[in-house]
Amino acid sequence: MKNTAQADGWMNGQRSNGISLGDRLRSGYHRFWYEASQAVRWSWGPFRESFKGPLTNLTQTQQQRTDELARSYRSRFENSLPPETALLNYSYLDILDRAKQALGWPVSTNQRVCDLGSANFAYAAALHTFFHPNRLTGVEVDGHRLYCNGRSRIDYARGHIQDLPQTEYVIADYRQFTRQAETITAWYPFVTPKPLLAWRLPLSLFHPAAVFAQVANNLVIGGTFVMVNHSAAEAEVARGIAEDVGLVCAGHYLHEAHLRPRIADPVLTIWHHG
């Protein structure tokens, strides 16, 4: 495994490519609001999204697939979540289920699962349904971000997980997060700087090599790192970073049948220790 200094060197080289003065100015603006939210740490307590009824306006294909997933996993997300959030969970479960079938992936249950970059953890129910963990932890660096309704990400996250047993949401920089897990998941991690800026985060948080190195450190021997990238091109960038920190790819799956509209086909890869 390459050491952290080597990994950070790779990251710094990537970071300097294609970053304009405008990008740096945007980064400074984002950094101000990020640090302000970290200082204020605003929260009104758990926020439960209002229930708005069953899934509607689905195509026949969408309806068939959501019904199939609901039967297979004995979970109807729309019974406890509003339609848009329920469909989000079905879409995450869909990728995991299809990857499992395509790769012959032997998914272990009743283990510790950690998800990094969880945003407001709206998809926690899908992870819980698929992995059946004995502990599920979502880690998000920008968990105090405020929404236009005055609620923060942690308010939403606590609402999303309040009915899920043994589930928690932690606001932390994953580079300093040292808890081990048998399964670590990362949905669309930032491996190039432009998407990070688009999500209103500062460049000071762009350290993909250090994050992946921490994944390798936190993954127990025999554990599994599951990563989903937006496209094949992004997955190739992520592959280089993961291999540099000593992870070995055990399989990849290109997801072409989407439950929700997407610009490109996501790629799920499975990783183990080298």
Protein backbone atom coordinates (compact mmCIF):
# COMPACT_ATOMS: atom_id res chain seq x y z
CA MET A 1 0.00 0.00 0.00
CA LYS A 2 1.29 3.48 -0.80
CA ASN A 3 1.68 5.74 2.20
CA THR A 4 -0.52 8.77 2.79
CA ALA A 5 2.14 11.20 1.61
CA GLN A 6 2.35 9.43 -1.74
CA ALA A 7 -1.43 9.35 -2.04
CA ASP A 8 -1.73 13.04 -1.17
CA GLY A 9 0.94 13.81 -3.74
CA TRP A 10 -1.17 12.14 -6.43
CA MET A 11 -4.21 14.09 -5.24
CA ASN A 12 -2.39 17.44 -5.26
CA GLY A 13 -1.29 16.83 -8.82
CA GLN A 14 -4.86 16.12 -9.87
CA ARG A 15 -6.17 19.07 -7.93
CA SER A 16 -4.01 21.55 -9.80
CA ASN A 17 -5.36 20.46 -13.19
CA GLY A 18 -8.21 22.46 -14.69
CA ILE A 19 -8.79 24.71 -11.68
CA SER A 20 -9.43 28.28 -12.84
CA LEU A 21 -9.33 31.51 -10.89
CA GLY A 22 -13.13 31.49 -10.99
CA ASP A 23 -13.13 28.02 -9.44
CA ARG A 24 -10.91 29.23 -6.63
CA LEU A 25 -13.15 32.21 -6.00
CA ARG A 26 -16.18 29.92 -5.90
CA SER A 27 -14.27 27.67 -3.52
CA GLY A 28 -13.59 30.61 -1.20
CA TYR A 29 -17.29 31.49 -1.17
CA HIS A 30 -18.25 27.89 -0.44
CA ARG A 31 -15.62 27.68 2.28
CA PHE A 32 -17.07 30.72 4.06
CA TRP A 33 -20.54 29.16 4.23
CA TYR A 34 -19.19 25.73 5.10
CA GLU A 35 -17.17 27.07 8.01
CA ALA A 36 -20.11 29.22 9.13
CA SER A 37 -22.40 26.19 9.24
CA GLN A 38 -19.77 24.25 11.16
CA ALA A 39 -19.50 27.05 13.71
CA VAL A 40 -23.26 27.54 14.18
CA ARG A 41 -24.17 23.82 14.08
CA TRP A 42 -27.83 24.66 13.57
CA SER A 43 -30.44 22.01 14.30
CA TRP A 44 -34.12 21.98 15.21
CA GLY A 45 -34.16 18.26 15.82
CA PRO A 46 -35.28 15.34 13.62
CA PHE A 47 -37.39 16.35 10.64
CA ARG A 48 -39.76 13.78 9.18
CA GLU A 49 -40.78 14.39 5.60
CA SER A 50 -44.55 14.44 5.24
CA PHE A 51 -46.18 11.35 3.78
CA LYS A 52 -47.75 12.19 0.42
CA GLY A 53 -49.19 8.87 -0.69
CA PRO A 54 -48.12 6.01 -2.95
CA LEU A 55 -45.80 6.17 -5.94
CA THR A 56 -47.54 7.74 -8.91
CA ASN A 57 -46.75 8.63 -12.52
CA LEU A 58 -44.45 5.65 -12.93
CA THR A 59 -43.89 4.01 -16.26
CA GLN A 60 -44.88 0.38 -16.59
CA THR A 61 -41.22 -0.61 -16.38
CA GLN A 62 -40.70 1.44 -13.22
CA GLN A 63 -43.81 0.01 -11.61
CA GLN A 64 -42.81 -3.56 -12.42
CA ARG A 65 -39.31 -3.09 -11.05
CA THR A 66 -40.36 -1.35 -7.82
CA ASP A 67 -42.96 -4.08 -7.22
CA GLU A 68 -40.31 -6.75 -7.84
CA LEU A 69 -37.88 -5.15 -5.41
CA ALA A 70 -40.60 -4.68 -2.79
CA ARG A 71 -41.51 -8.37 -3.00
CA SER A 72 -37.91 -9.62 -3.03
CA TYR A 73 -36.80 -7.52 -0.07
CA ARG A 74 -40.15 -7.35 1.73
CA SER A 75 -39.96 -3.60 2.01
CA ARG A 76 -42.34 -0.94 0.70
CA PHE A 77 -40.48 2.34 0.99
CA GLU A 78 -43.57 4.35 0.01
CA ASN A 79 -45.33 3.19 3.18
CA SER A 80 -43.10 5.42 5.28
CA LEU A 81 -41.46 7.84 2.83
CA PRO A 82 -42.81 10.45 0.42
CA PRO A 83 -42.82 9.31 -3.23
CA GLU A 84 -39.65 11.05 -4.39
CA THR A 85 -37.63 9.70 -1.45
CA ALA A 86 -39.18 6.25 -1.81
CA LEU A 87 -38.20 6.14 -5.50
CA LEU A 88 -34.67 7.26 -4.58
CA ASN A 89 -34.39 4.30 -2.22
CA TYR A 90 -35.74 1.90 -4.83
CA SER A 91 -33.16 3.22 -7.31
CA TYR A 92 -30.27 2.62 -4.89
CA LEU A 93 -31.61 -0.82 -4.01
CA ASP A 94 -32.01 -1.54 -7.73
CA ILE A 95 -28.32 -0.90 -8.45
CA LEU A 96 -27.23 -3.04 -5.50
CA ASP A 97 -29.58 -5.88 -6.41
CA ARG A 98 -28.63 -5.94 -10.10
CA ALA A 99 -24.92 -5.82 -9.24
CA LYS A 100 -25.40 -8.70 -6.81
CA GLN A 101 -27.03 -10.80 -9.53
CA ALA A 102 -24.59 -9.84 -12.28
CA LEU A 103 -21.43 -10.39 -10.23
CA GLY A 104 -22.53 -13.32 -8.08
CA TRP A 105 -21.70 -11.04 -5.15
CA PRO A 106 -21.94 -12.95 -1.84
CA VAL A 107 -23.40 -10.16 0.31
CA SER A 108 -22.83 -10.65 4.04
CA THR A 109 -25.50 -9.58 6.52
CA ASN A 110 -25.51 -8.74 10.24
CA GLN A 111 -22.25 -6.82 9.96
CA ARG A 112 -21.05 -3.26 10.44
CA VAL A 113 -21.77 -1.06 7.43
CA CYS A 114 -20.43 2.46 7.02
CA ASP A 115 -21.50 4.85 4.27
CA LEU A 116 -19.26 7.82 3.50
CA GLY A 117 -20.51 11.06 2.00
CA SER A 118 -24.09 10.42 3.10
CA ALA A 119 -25.52 13.93 2.48
CA ASN A 120 -28.87 13.83 4.34
CA PHE A 121 -28.91 10.00 4.29
CA ALA A 122 -32.19 9.87 2.39
CA TYR A 123 -31.19 6.43 1.04
CA ALA A 124 -30.44 4.86 4.44
CA ALA A 125 -33.52 2.62 4.17
CA ALA A 126 -32.18 1.05 0.96
CA LEU A 127 -28.83 0.25 2.60
CA HIS A 128 -30.56 -1.20 5.63
CA THR A 129 -32.85 -3.31 3.46
CA PHE A 130 -30.03 -4.68 1.32
CA PHE A 131 -27.30 -5.30 3.91
CA HIS A 132 -29.37 -6.05 7.04
CA PRO A 133 -26.52 -4.64 9.15
CA ASN A 134 -26.05 -4.93 12.88
CA ARG A 135 -24.81 -1.33 12.73
CA LEU A 136 -25.27 1.23 9.94
CA THR A 137 -23.36 4.51 10.13
CA GLY A 138 -23.62 7.40 7.70
CA VAL A 139 -20.69 9.84 7.70
CA GLU A 140 -21.03 13.31 6.18
CA VAL A 141 -18.59 16.21 6.34
CA ASP A 142 -21.22 18.90 5.57
CA GLY A 143 -24.01 17.71 7.84
CA HIS A 144 -24.83 21.16 9.21
CA ARG A 145 -25.72 22.62 5.80
CA LEU A 146 -28.96 24.63 5.97
CA TYR A 147 -31.88 24.18 3.59
CA CYS A 148 -34.26 26.93 2.52
CA ASN A 149 -36.85 25.81 5.09
CA GLY A 150 -34.45 26.51 7.95
CA ARG A 151 -33.76 22.82 8.55
CA SER A 152 -30.29 21.34 8.34
CA ARG A 153 -29.01 18.14 6.79
CA ILE A 154 -28.67 16.50 10.18
CA ASP A 155 -32.36 17.25 10.87
CA TYR A 156 -33.36 15.43 7.69
CA ALA A 157 -30.90 12.60 8.30
CA ARG A 158 -32.22 11.98 11.79
CA GLY A 159 -35.73 11.87 10.39
CA HIS A 160 -34.71 9.40 7.69
CA ILE A 161 -33.09 7.00 10.16
CA GLN A 162 -35.35 7.30 13.19
CA ASP A 163 -37.22 4.07 12.36
CA LEU A 164 -34.11 2.12 11.34
CA PRO A 165 -32.58 0.03 14.17
CA GLN A 166 -28.90 0.39 15.00
CA THR A 167 -28.46 3.30 12.59
CA GLU A 168 -26.63 6.56 13.21
CA TYR A 169 -25.54 9.69 11.36
CA VAL A 170 -22.15 11.20 12.14
CA ILE A 171 -20.89 14.60 11.01
CA ALA A 172 -17.18 14.13 10.41
CA ASP A 173 -14.41 14.44 7.86
CA TYR A 174 -13.89 10.84 6.80
CA ARG A 175 -10.14 11.41 6.64
CA GLN A 176 -10.21 11.52 10.45
CA PHE A 177 -12.89 8.88 10.93
CA THR A 178 -11.26 5.75 12.37
CA ARG A 179 -14.09 3.30 12.99
CA GLN A 180 -13.70 -0.07 11.31
CA ALA A 181 -16.42 -1.84 9.31
CA GLU A 182 -16.91 -5.04 7.36
CA THR A 183 -18.62 -3.12 4.54
CA ILE A 184 -17.95 0.47 3.46
CA THR A 185 -20.04 2.15 0.78
CA ALA A 186 -19.45 5.34 -1.19
CA TRP A 187 -22.09 6.67 -3.56
CA TYR A 188 -20.70 9.06 -6.14
CA PRO A 189 -17.61 10.18 -4.18
CA PHE A 190 -15.77 13.27 -5.41
CA VAL A 191 -12.77 12.08 -7.42
CA THR A 192 -12.44 15.23 -9.56
CA PRO A 193 -12.80 18.80 -8.27
CA LYS A 194 -15.54 20.18 -10.54
CA PRO A 195 -18.40 18.09 -9.06
CA LEU A 196 -17.28 19.05 -5.56
CA LEU A 197 -17.61 22.73 -6.46
CA ALA A 198 -20.98 22.06 -8.08
CA TRP A 199 -22.16 20.66 -4.73
CA ARG A 200 -21.08 23.93 -3.08
CA LEU A 201 -18.11 22.52 -1.21
CA PRO A 202 -14.66 24.14 -0.97
CA LEU A 203 -11.54 22.74 -2.62
CA SER A 204 -10.00 22.38 0.85
CA LEU A 205 -12.22 19.28 1.20
CA PHE A 206 -11.00 17.72 -2.04
CA HIS A 207 -8.68 14.94 -0.86
CA PRO A 208 -9.84 11.77 -2.65
CA ALA A 209 -6.58 9.92 -2.11
CA ALA A 210 -6.64 10.59 1.63
CA VAL A 211 -10.30 9.54 1.83
CA PHE A 212 -9.61 6.30 -0.05
CA ALA A 213 -6.58 5.64 2.13
CA GLN A 214 -8.83 5.93 5.17
CA VAL A 215 -11.27 3.51 3.56
CA ALA A 216 -8.41 1.01 3.23
CA ASN A 217 -7.44 1.60 6.87
CA ASN A 218 -11.00 1.22 8.16
CA LEU A 219 -11.90 -1.85 6.12
CA VAL A 220 -11.44 -5.02 8.14
CA ILE A 221 -9.50 -7.89 6.61
CA GLY A 222 -11.90 -9.74 4.34
CA GLY A 223 -14.22 -6.71 4.20
CA THR A 224 -15.77 -5.11 1.12
CA PHE A 225 -15.67 -1.57 -0.21
CA VAL A 226 -18.60 -0.82 -2.53
CA MET A 227 -18.23 2.28 -4.71
CA VAL A 228 -20.68 3.74 -7.20
CA ASN A 229 -19.51 6.35 -9.72
CA HIS A 230 -21.55 8.51 -12.07
CA SER A 231 -20.03 7.14 -15.27
CA ALA A 232 -17.42 4.79 -16.71
CA ALA A 233 -15.00 7.71 -17.14
CA GLU A 234 -15.36 8.75 -13.50
CA ALA A 235 -15.03 5.12 -12.40
CA GLU A 236 -11.70 4.91 -14.23
CA VAL A 237 -10.38 7.93 -12.32
CA ALA A 238 -11.62 6.40 -9.06
CA ARG A 239 -9.97 3.08 -9.95
CA GLY A 240 -6.57 4.75 -10.16
CA ILE A 241 -6.96 6.33 -6.73
CA ALA A 242 -8.23 3.13 -5.12
CA GLU A 243 -5.41 1.03 -6.57
CA ASP A 244 -2.84 3.58 -5.42
CA VAL A 245 -3.90 3.07 -1.79
CA GLY A 246 -3.75 -0.72 -2.06
CA LEU A 247 -7.33 -1.71 -2.82
CA VAL A 248 -7.99 -4.45 -5.36
CA CYS A 249 -11.04 -4.48 -7.62
CA ALA A 250 -13.04 -7.70 -7.33
CA GLY A 251 -15.71 -6.83 -9.90
CA HIS A 252 -17.51 -4.03 -11.70
CA TYR A 253 -21.07 -3.60 -12.93
CA LEU A 254 -22.37 -1.08 -15.46
CA HIS A 255 -25.94 -0.10 -14.56
CA GLU A 256 -27.85 0.60 -17.77
CA ALA A 257 -31.49 0.12 -16.70
CA HIS A 258 -32.30 3.21 -14.64
CA LEU A 259 -35.23 3.61 -12.29
CA ARG A 260 -34.67 7.37 -12.24
CA PRO A 261 -33.44 9.60 -15.10
CA ARG A 262 -29.67 9.79 -15.43
CA ILE A 263 -27.27 11.44 -17.87
CA ALA A 264 -24.83 8.52 -17.86
CA ASP A 265 -24.74 4.89 -16.72
CA PRO A 266 -23.42 4.49 -13.15
CA VAL A 267 -20.70 1.95 -12.44
CA LEU A 268 -20.60 -0.11 -9.23
CA THR A 269 -17.26 -1.60 -8.25
CA ILE A 270 -16.39 -3.96 -5.42
CA TRP A 271 -13.01 -3.72 -3.69
CA HIS A 272 -10.99 -5.71 -1.18
CA HIS A 273 -7.64 -5.30 0.52
CA GLY A 274 -4.61 -6.03 -1.65
